[in-house]
Amino acid sequence: MKPNHQKVLKDALRLPIEARAALAGHLLESLDKTVDEDVELAWSKEIARRIDDLDRGKVKTVSWSVARRQILGRPSASSKR
């Protein structure tokens, strides 16, 4: 990695988590110049469905710490009892 790239990375890592996530999203989007309109439409519909499920109380949210443990396959503190 070139020194100026290292500086950009170092600066980016100092950003708050929300800003880093937004930056990562922008960088990922910049890698793919082609857009499949059918896929975009399908994702838009899926997002709307999930928001509707949340609004109607059909699903419950969990905190990021719980979700992360579930994703990584680690038991939660409450499941050790």
PDB file of N, CA and C in Angstrom:
ATOM      1  N   MET A   1       0.851  -1.169   0.000  1.00  0.00           N
ATOM      2  CA  MET A   1       0.000   0.000   0.000  1.00  0.00           C
ATOM      3  C   MET A   1       0.903   1.241   0.000  1.00  0.00           C
ATOM      4  N   LYS A   2       0.559   2.193  -0.846  1.00  0.00           N
ATOM      5  CA  LYS A   2       1.340   3.428  -0.943  1.00  0.00           C
ATOM      6  C   LYS A   2       1.152   4.249   0.328  1.00  0.00           C
ATOM      7  N   PRO A   3       2.157   5.069   0.673  1.00  0.00           N
ATOM      8  CA  PRO A   3       2.057   5.881   1.893  1.00  0.00           C
ATOM      9  C   PRO A   3       0.804   6.753   1.946  1.00  0.00           C
ATOM     10  N   ASN A   4       0.402   7.357   0.824  1.00  0.00           N
ATOM     11  CA  ASN A   4      -0.793   8.201   0.869  1.00  0.00           C
ATOM     12  C   ASN A   4      -2.051   7.364   1.094  1.00  0.00           C
ATOM     13  N   HIS A   5      -2.062   6.113   0.619  1.00  0.00           N
ATOM     14  CA  HIS A   5      -3.196   5.212   0.880  1.00  0.00           C
ATOM     15  C   HIS A   5      -3.231   4.834   2.359  1.00  0.00           C
ATOM     16  N   GLN A   6      -2.056   4.622   2.928  1.00  0.00           N
ATOM     17  CA  GLN A   6      -1.983   4.294   4.353  1.00  0.00           C
ATOM     18  C   GLN A   6      -2.515   5.434   5.202  1.00  0.00           C
ATOM     19  N   LYS A   7      -2.225   6.676   4.791  1.00  0.00           N
ATOM     20  CA  LYS A   7      -2.721   7.833   5.537  1.00  0.00           C
ATOM     21  C   LYS A   7      -4.241   7.908   5.441  1.00  0.00           C
ATOM     22  N   VAL A   8      -4.784   7.669   4.261  1.00  0.00           N
ATOM     23  CA  VAL A   8      -6.242   7.696   4.089  1.00  0.00           C
ATOM     24  C   VAL A   8      -6.874   6.635   4.986  1.00  0.00           C
ATOM     25  N   LEU A   9      -6.296   5.429   4.996  1.00  0.00           N
ATOM     26  CA  LEU A   9      -6.819   4.355   5.841  1.00  0.00           C
ATOM     27  C   LEU A   9      -6.732   4.731   7.312  1.00  0.00           C
ATOM     28  N   LYS A  10      -5.597   5.258   7.723  1.00  0.00           N
ATOM     29  CA  LYS A  10      -5.406   5.652   9.127  1.00  0.00           C
ATOM     30  C   LYS A  10      -6.446   6.706   9.521  1.00  0.00           C
ATOM     31  N   ASP A  11      -6.654   7.697   8.662  1.00  0.00           N
ATOM     32  CA  ASP A  11      -7.648   8.741   8.932  1.00  0.00           C
ATOM     33  C   ASP A  11      -9.057   8.157   8.977  1.00  0.00           C
ATOM     34  N   ALA A  12      -9.350   7.251   8.046  1.00  0.00           N
ATOM     35  CA  ALA A  12     -10.684   6.643   7.998  1.00  0.00           C
ATOM     36  C   ALA A  12     -10.964   5.838   9.264  1.00  0.00           C
ATOM     37  N   LEU A  13      -9.961   5.162   9.776  1.00  0.00           N
ATOM     38  CA  LEU A  13     -10.152   4.345  10.979  1.00  0.00           C
ATOM     39  C   LEU A  13     -10.389   5.185  12.234  1.00  0.00           C
ATOM     40  N   ARG A  14     -10.114   6.476  12.156  1.00  0.00           N
ATOM     41  CA  ARG A  14     -10.378   7.377  13.283  1.00  0.00           C
ATOM     42  C   ARG A  14     -11.821   7.876  13.283  1.00  0.00           C
ATOM     43  N   LEU A  15     -12.536   7.665  12.201  1.00  0.00           N
ATOM     44  CA  LEU A  15     -13.921   8.135  12.102  1.00  0.00           C
ATOM     45  C   LEU A  15     -14.821   7.364  13.059  1.00  0.00           C
ATOM     46  N   PRO A  16     -15.935   7.969  13.449  1.00  0.00           N
ATOM     47  CA  PRO A  16     -16.925   7.224  14.248  1.00  0.00           C
ATOM     48  C   PRO A  16     -17.449   6.034  13.440  1.00  0.00           C
ATOM     49  N   ILE A  17     -17.961   5.049  14.125  1.00  0.00           N
ATOM     50  CA  ILE A  17     -18.374   3.807  13.483  1.00  0.00           C
ATOM     51  C   ILE A  17     -19.401   4.035  12.372  1.00  0.00           C
ATOM     52  N   GLU A  18     -20.341   4.945  12.583  1.00  0.00           N
ATOM     53  CA  GLU A  18     -21.359   5.203  11.564  1.00  0.00           C
ATOM     54  C   GLU A  18     -20.731   5.774  10.299  1.00  0.00           C
ATOM     55  N   ALA A  19     -19.771   6.669  10.476  1.00  0.00           N
ATOM     56  CA  ALA A  19     -19.094   7.268   9.330  1.00  0.00           C
ATOM     57  C   ALA A  19     -18.243   6.235   8.604  1.00  0.00           C
ATOM     58  N   ARG A  20     -17.593   5.339   9.363  1.00  0.00           N
ATOM     59  CA  ARG A  20     -16.806   4.272   8.728  1.00  0.00           C
ATOM     60  C   ARG A  20     -17.705   3.346   7.927  1.00  0.00           C
ATOM     61  N   ALA A  21     -18.883   3.025   8.483  1.00  0.00           N
ATOM     62  CA  ALA A  21     -19.820   2.144   7.770  1.00  0.00           C
ATOM     63  C   ALA A  21     -20.296   2.812   6.486  1.00  0.00           C
ATOM     64  N   ALA A  22     -20.616   4.092   6.554  1.00  0.00           N
ATOM     65  CA  ALA A  22     -21.053   4.811   5.354  1.00  0.00           C
ATOM     66  C   ALA A  22     -19.942   4.860   4.320  1.00  0.00           C
ATOM     67  N   LEU A  23     -18.729   5.133   4.764  1.00  0.00           N
ATOM     68  CA  LEU A  23     -17.582   5.172   3.861  1.00  0.00           C
ATOM     69  C   LEU A  23     -17.364   3.806   3.207  1.00  0.00           C
ATOM     70  N   ALA A  24     -17.449   2.754   4.001  1.00  0.00           N
ATOM     71  CA  ALA A  24     -17.277   1.401   3.456  1.00  0.00           C
ATOM     72  C   ALA A  24     -18.335   1.119   2.394  1.00  0.00           C
ATOM     73  N   GLY A  25     -19.563   1.526   2.654  1.00  0.00           N
ATOM     74  CA  GLY A  25     -20.628   1.332   1.680  1.00  0.00           C
ATOM     75  C   GLY A  25     -20.342   2.061   0.381  1.00  0.00           C
ATOM     76  N   HIS A  26     -19.886   3.300   0.490  1.00  0.00           N
ATOM     77  CA  HIS A  26     -19.564   4.077  -0.712  1.00  0.00           C
ATOM     78  C   HIS A  26     -18.418   3.424  -1.487  1.00  0.00           C
ATOM     79  N   LEU A  27     -17.411   2.952  -0.768  1.00  0.00           N
ATOM     80  CA  LEU A  27     -16.289   2.297  -1.444  1.00  0.00           C
ATOM     81  C   LEU A  27     -16.735   1.026  -2.163  1.00  0.00           C
ATOM     82  N   LEU A  28     -17.567   0.223  -1.497  1.00  0.00           N
ATOM     83  CA  LEU A  28     -18.063  -0.997  -2.140  1.00  0.00           C
ATOM     84  C   LEU A  28     -18.902  -0.680  -3.376  1.00  0.00           C
ATOM     85  N   GLU A  29     -19.755   0.322  -3.269  1.00  0.00           N
ATOM     86  CA  GLU A  29     -20.573   0.710  -4.415  1.00  0.00           C
ATOM     87  C   GLU A  29     -19.713   1.165  -5.582  1.00  0.00           C
ATOM     88  N   SER A  30     -18.577   1.780  -5.287  1.00  0.00           N
ATOM     89  CA  SER A  30     -17.716   2.289  -6.347  1.00  0.00           C
ATOM     90  C   SER A  30     -17.029   1.176  -7.135  1.00  0.00           C
ATOM     91  N   LEU A  31     -17.018  -0.043  -6.595  1.00  0.00           N
ATOM     92  CA  LEU A  31     -16.347  -1.151  -7.269  1.00  0.00           C
ATOM     93  C   LEU A  31     -17.171  -1.744  -8.407  1.00  0.00           C
ATOM     94  N   ASP A  32     -18.467  -1.600  -8.342  1.00  0.00           N
ATOM     95  CA  ASP A  32     -19.344  -2.199  -9.341  1.00  0.00           C
ATOM     96  C   ASP A  32     -20.073  -1.106 -10.096  1.00  0.00           C
ATOM     97  N   LYS A  33     -19.688  -0.883 -11.327  1.00  0.00           N
ATOM     98  CA  LYS A  33     -20.273   0.189 -12.125  1.00  0.00           C
ATOM     99  C   LYS A  33     -21.582  -0.229 -12.798  1.00  0.00           C
ATOM    100  N   THR A  34     -21.844  -1.530 -12.906  1.00  0.00           N
ATOM    101  CA  THR A  34     -23.079  -1.964 -13.550  1.00  0.00           C
ATOM    102  C   THR A  34     -24.153  -2.162 -12.493  1.00  0.00           C
ATOM    103  N   VAL A  35     -25.369  -1.765 -12.829  1.00  0.00           N
ATOM    104  CA  VAL A  35     -26.495  -1.902 -11.915  1.00  0.00           C
ATOM    105  C   VAL A  35     -27.538  -2.776 -12.587  1.00  0.00           C
ATOM    106  N   ASP A  36     -27.919  -3.841 -11.919  1.00  0.00           N
ATOM    107  CA  ASP A  36     -28.982  -4.715 -12.413  1.00  0.00           C
ATOM    108  C   ASP A  36     -30.291  -4.171 -11.853  1.00  0.00           C
ATOM    109  N   GLU A  37     -31.085  -3.568 -12.707  1.00  0.00           N
ATOM    110  CA  GLU A  37     -32.325  -2.928 -12.263  1.00  0.00           C
ATOM    111  C   GLU A  37     -33.279  -3.919 -11.613  1.00  0.00           C
ATOM    112  N   ASP A  38     -33.311  -5.167 -12.099  1.00  0.00           N
ATOM    113  CA  ASP A  38     -34.185  -6.178 -11.497  1.00  0.00           C
ATOM    114  C   ASP A  38     -33.753  -6.489 -10.066  1.00  0.00           C
ATOM    115  N   VAL A  39     -32.461  -6.560  -9.847  1.00  0.00           N
ATOM    116  CA  VAL A  39     -31.939  -6.817  -8.501  1.00  0.00           C
ATOM    117  C   VAL A  39     -32.234  -5.629  -7.595  1.00  0.00           C
ATOM    118  N   GLU A  40     -32.030  -4.426  -8.093  1.00  0.00           N
ATOM    119  CA  GLU A  40     -32.326  -3.230  -7.308  1.00  0.00           C
ATOM    120  C   GLU A  40     -33.796  -3.194  -6.895  1.00  0.00           C
ATOM    121  N   LEU A  41     -34.685  -3.523  -7.845  1.00  0.00           N
ATOM    122  CA  LEU A  41     -36.113  -3.543  -7.550  1.00  0.00           C
ATOM    123  C   LEU A  41     -36.443  -4.611  -6.514  1.00  0.00           C
ATOM    124  N   ALA A  42     -35.847  -5.794  -6.667  1.00  0.00           N
ATOM    125  CA  ALA A  42     -36.087  -6.879  -5.713  1.00  0.00           C
ATOM    126  C   ALA A  42     -35.630  -6.488  -4.311  1.00  0.00           C
ATOM    127  N   TRP A  43     -34.455  -5.857  -4.201  1.00  0.00           N
ATOM    128  CA  TRP A  43     -33.959  -5.429  -2.894  1.00  0.00           C
ATOM    129  C   TRP A  43     -34.851  -4.347  -2.305  1.00  0.00           C
ATOM    130  N   SER A  44     -35.316  -3.428  -3.132  1.00  0.00           N
ATOM    131  CA  SER A  44     -36.209  -2.372  -2.638  1.00  0.00           C
ATOM    132  C   SER A  44     -37.485  -2.972  -2.057  1.00  0.00           C
ATOM    133  N   LYS A  45     -38.034  -3.971  -2.751  1.00  0.00           N
ATOM    134  CA  LYS A  45     -39.243  -4.637  -2.260  1.00  0.00           C
ATOM    135  C   LYS A  45     -38.962  -5.384  -0.955  1.00  0.00           C
ATOM    136  N   GLU A  46     -37.821  -6.044  -0.887  1.00  0.00           N
ATOM    137  CA  GLU A  46     -37.460  -6.792   0.325  1.00  0.00           C
ATOM    138  C   GLU A  46     -37.274  -5.853   1.508  1.00  0.00           C
ATOM    139  N   ILE A  47     -36.618  -4.734   1.276  1.00  0.00           N
ATOM    140  CA  ILE A  47     -36.412  -3.751   2.345  1.00  0.00           C
ATOM    141  C   ILE A  47     -37.755  -3.224   2.833  1.00  0.00           C
ATOM    142  N   ALA A  48     -38.642  -2.902   1.896  1.00  0.00           N
ATOM    143  CA  ALA A  48     -39.974  -2.401   2.264  1.00  0.00           C
ATOM    144  C   ALA A  48     -40.743  -3.448   3.067  1.00  0.00           C
ATOM    145  N   ARG A  49     -40.622  -4.722   2.667  1.00  0.00           N
ATOM    146  CA  ARG A  49     -41.307  -5.803   3.391  1.00  0.00           C
ATOM    147  C   ARG A  49     -40.778  -5.916   4.813  1.00  0.00           C
ATOM    148  N   ARG A  50     -39.464  -5.824   4.964  1.00  0.00           N
ATOM    149  CA  ARG A  50     -38.867  -5.941   6.296  1.00  0.00           C
ATOM    150  C   ARG A  50     -39.256  -4.765   7.187  1.00  0.00           C
ATOM    151  N   ILE A  51     -39.280  -3.571   6.618  1.00  0.00           N
ATOM    152  CA  ILE A  51     -39.710  -2.399   7.391  1.00  0.00           C
ATOM    153  C   ILE A  51     -41.161  -2.565   7.827  1.00  0.00           C
ATOM    154  N   ASP A  52     -41.999  -3.052   6.916  1.00  0.00           N
ATOM    155  CA  ASP A  52     -43.406  -3.285   7.243  1.00  0.00           C
ATOM    156  C   ASP A  52     -43.534  -4.314   8.368  1.00  0.00           C
ATOM    157  N   ASP A  53     -42.750  -5.397   8.306  1.00  0.00           N
ATOM    158  CA  ASP A  53     -42.765  -6.406   9.370  1.00  0.00           C
ATOM    159  C   ASP A  53     -42.403  -5.785  10.714  1.00  0.00           C
ATOM    160  N   LEU A  54     -41.404  -4.897  10.718  1.00  0.00           N
ATOM    161  CA  LEU A  54     -41.023  -4.215  11.952  1.00  0.00           C
ATOM    162  C   LEU A  54     -42.147  -3.319  12.445  1.00  0.00           C
ATOM    163  N   ASP A  55     -42.707  -2.528  11.528  1.00  0.00           N
ATOM    164  CA  ASP A  55     -43.777  -1.598  11.906  1.00  0.00           C
ATOM    165  C   ASP A  55     -45.001  -2.320  12.461  1.00  0.00           C
ATOM    166  N   ARG A  56     -45.298  -3.484  11.941  1.00  0.00           N
ATOM    167  CA  ARG A  56     -46.472  -4.252  12.381  1.00  0.00           C
ATOM    168  C   ARG A  56     -46.178  -5.107  13.619  1.00  0.00           C
ATOM    169  N   GLY A  57     -44.924  -5.134  14.052  1.00  0.00           N
ATOM    170  CA  GLY A  57     -44.570  -5.926  15.222  1.00  0.00           C
ATOM    171  C   GLY A  57     -44.464  -7.419  14.929  1.00  0.00           C
ATOM    172  N   LYS A  58     -44.345  -7.781  13.662  1.00  0.00           N
ATOM    173  CA  LYS A  58     -44.241  -9.194  13.291  1.00  0.00           C
ATOM    174  C   LYS A  58     -42.872  -9.776  13.633  1.00  0.00           C
ATOM    175  N   VAL A  59     -41.882  -8.919  13.740  1.00  0.00           N
ATOM    176  CA  VAL A  59     -40.529  -9.355  14.083  1.00  0.00           C
ATOM    177  C   VAL A  59     -40.005  -8.472  15.203  1.00  0.00           C
ATOM    178  N   LYS A  60     -39.044  -8.996  15.949  1.00  0.00           N
ATOM    179  CA  LYS A  60     -38.426  -8.237  17.022  1.00  0.00           C
ATOM    180  C   LYS A  60     -36.973  -7.976  16.664  1.00  0.00           C
ATOM    181  N   THR A  61     -36.494  -6.826  17.070  1.00  0.00           N
ATOM    182  CA  THR A  61     -35.093  -6.511  16.845  1.00  0.00           C
ATOM    183  C   THR A  61     -34.262  -7.034  18.021  1.00  0.00           C
ATOM    184  N   VAL A  62     -32.980  -7.176  17.773  1.00  0.00           N
ATOM    185  CA  VAL A  62     -32.037  -7.517  18.839  1.00  0.00           C
ATOM    186  C   VAL A  62     -30.891  -6.517  18.753  1.00  0.00           C
ATOM    187  N   SER A  63     -30.201  -6.335  19.850  1.00  0.00           N
ATOM    188  CA  SER A  63     -29.072  -5.411  19.861  1.00  0.00           C
ATOM    189  C   SER A  63     -27.937  -5.977  19.009  1.00  0.00           C
ATOM    190  N   TRP A  64     -27.046  -5.098  18.572  1.00  0.00           N
ATOM    191  CA  TRP A  64     -25.904  -5.529  17.764  1.00  0.00           C
ATOM    192  C   TRP A  64     -25.054  -6.540  18.532  1.00  0.00           C
ATOM    193  N   SER A  65     -24.883  -6.365  19.828  1.00  0.00           N
ATOM    194  CA  SER A  65     -24.044  -7.313  20.580  1.00  0.00           C
ATOM    195  C   SER A  65     -24.651  -8.713  20.552  1.00  0.00           C
ATOM    196  N   VAL A  66     -25.982  -8.817  20.658  1.00  0.00           N
ATOM    197  CA  VAL A  66     -26.647 -10.122  20.593  1.00  0.00           C
ATOM    198  C   VAL A  66     -26.535 -10.686  19.177  1.00  0.00           C
ATOM    199  N   ALA A  67     -26.811  -9.861  18.183  1.00  0.00           N
ATOM    200  CA  ALA A  67     -26.731 -10.328  16.794  1.00  0.00           C
ATOM    201  C   ALA A  67     -25.323 -10.804  16.464  1.00  0.00           C
ATOM    202  N   ARG A  68     -24.334 -10.065  16.904  1.00  0.00           N
ATOM    203  CA  ARG A  68     -22.939 -10.434  16.625  1.00  0.00           C
ATOM    204  C   ARG A  68     -22.595 -11.780  17.253  1.00  0.00           C
ATOM    205  N   ARG A  69     -23.041 -11.983  18.491  1.00  0.00           N
ATOM    206  CA  ARG A  69     -22.794 -13.285  19.135  1.00  0.00           C
ATOM    207  C   ARG A  69     -23.469 -14.400  18.346  1.00  0.00           C
ATOM    208  N   GLN A  70     -24.687 -14.153  17.880  1.00  0.00           N
ATOM    209  CA  GLN A  70     -25.407 -15.160  17.108  1.00  0.00           C
ATOM    210  C   GLN A  70     -24.695 -15.452  15.791  1.00  0.00           C
ATOM    211  N   ILE A  71     -24.246 -14.410  15.129  1.00  0.00           N
ATOM    212  CA  ILE A  71     -23.551 -14.571  13.855  1.00  0.00           C
ATOM    213  C   ILE A  71     -22.263 -15.364  14.041  1.00  0.00           C
ATOM    214  N   LEU A  72     -21.537 -15.059  15.094  1.00  0.00           N
ATOM    215  CA  LEU A  72     -20.257 -15.717  15.346  1.00  0.00           C
ATOM    216  C   LEU A  72     -20.406 -17.056  16.057  1.00  0.00           C
ATOM    217  N   GLY A  73     -21.643 -17.401  16.429  1.00  0.00           N
ATOM    218  CA  GLY A  73     -21.890 -18.691  17.058  1.00  0.00           C
ATOM    219  C   GLY A  73     -21.443 -18.769  18.501  1.00  0.00           C
ATOM    220  N   ARG A  74     -21.387 -17.621  19.155  1.00  0.00           N
ATOM    221  CA  ARG A  74     -20.988 -17.593  20.563  1.00  0.00           C
ATOM    222  C   ARG A  74     -22.238 -17.582  21.433  1.00  0.00           C
ATOM    223  N   PRO A  75     -22.205 -18.328  22.525  1.00  0.00           N
ATOM    224  CA  PRO A  75     -23.364 -18.300  23.423  1.00  0.00           C
ATOM    225  C   PRO A  75     -23.482 -16.953  24.115  1.00  0.00           C
ATOM    226  N   SER A  76     -24.710 -16.542  24.385  1.00  0.00           N
ATOM    227  CA  SER A  76     -24.929 -15.297  25.131  1.00  0.00           C
ATOM    228  C   SER A  76     -24.738 -15.559  26.605  1.00  0.00           C
ATOM    229  N   ALA A  77     -24.585 -14.530  27.368  1.00  0.00           N
ATOM    230  CA  ALA A  77     -24.390 -14.649  28.812  1.00  0.00           C
ATOM    231  C   ALA A  77     -25.597 -15.327  29.451  1.00  0.00           C
ATOM    232  N   SER A  78     -26.809 -15.025  28.951  1.00  0.00           N
ATOM    233  CA  SER A  78     -28.021 -15.595  29.549  1.00  0.00           C
ATOM    234  C   SER A  78     -28.179 -17.086  29.243  1.00  0.00           C
ATOM    235  N   SER A  79     -27.551 -17.561  28.157  1.00  0.00           N
ATOM    236  CA  SER A  79     -27.691 -18.982  27.824  1.00  0.00           C
ATOM    237  C   SER A  79     -26.749 -19.864  28.617  1.00  0.00           C
ATOM    238  N   LYS A  80     -25.852 -19.265  29.410  1.00  0.00           N
ATOM    239  CA  LYS A  80     -24.907 -20.036  30.212  1.00  0.00           C
ATOM    240  C   LYS A  80     -25.488 -20.443  31.550  1.00  0.00           C
ATOM    241  N   ARG A  81     -26.695 -19.947  31.858  1.00  0.00           N
ATOM    242  CA  ARG A  81     -27.310 -20.216  33.159  1.00  0.00           C
ATOM    243  C   ARG A  81     -27.869 -21.603  33.215  1.00  0.00           C
TER     244      ARG A  81
END
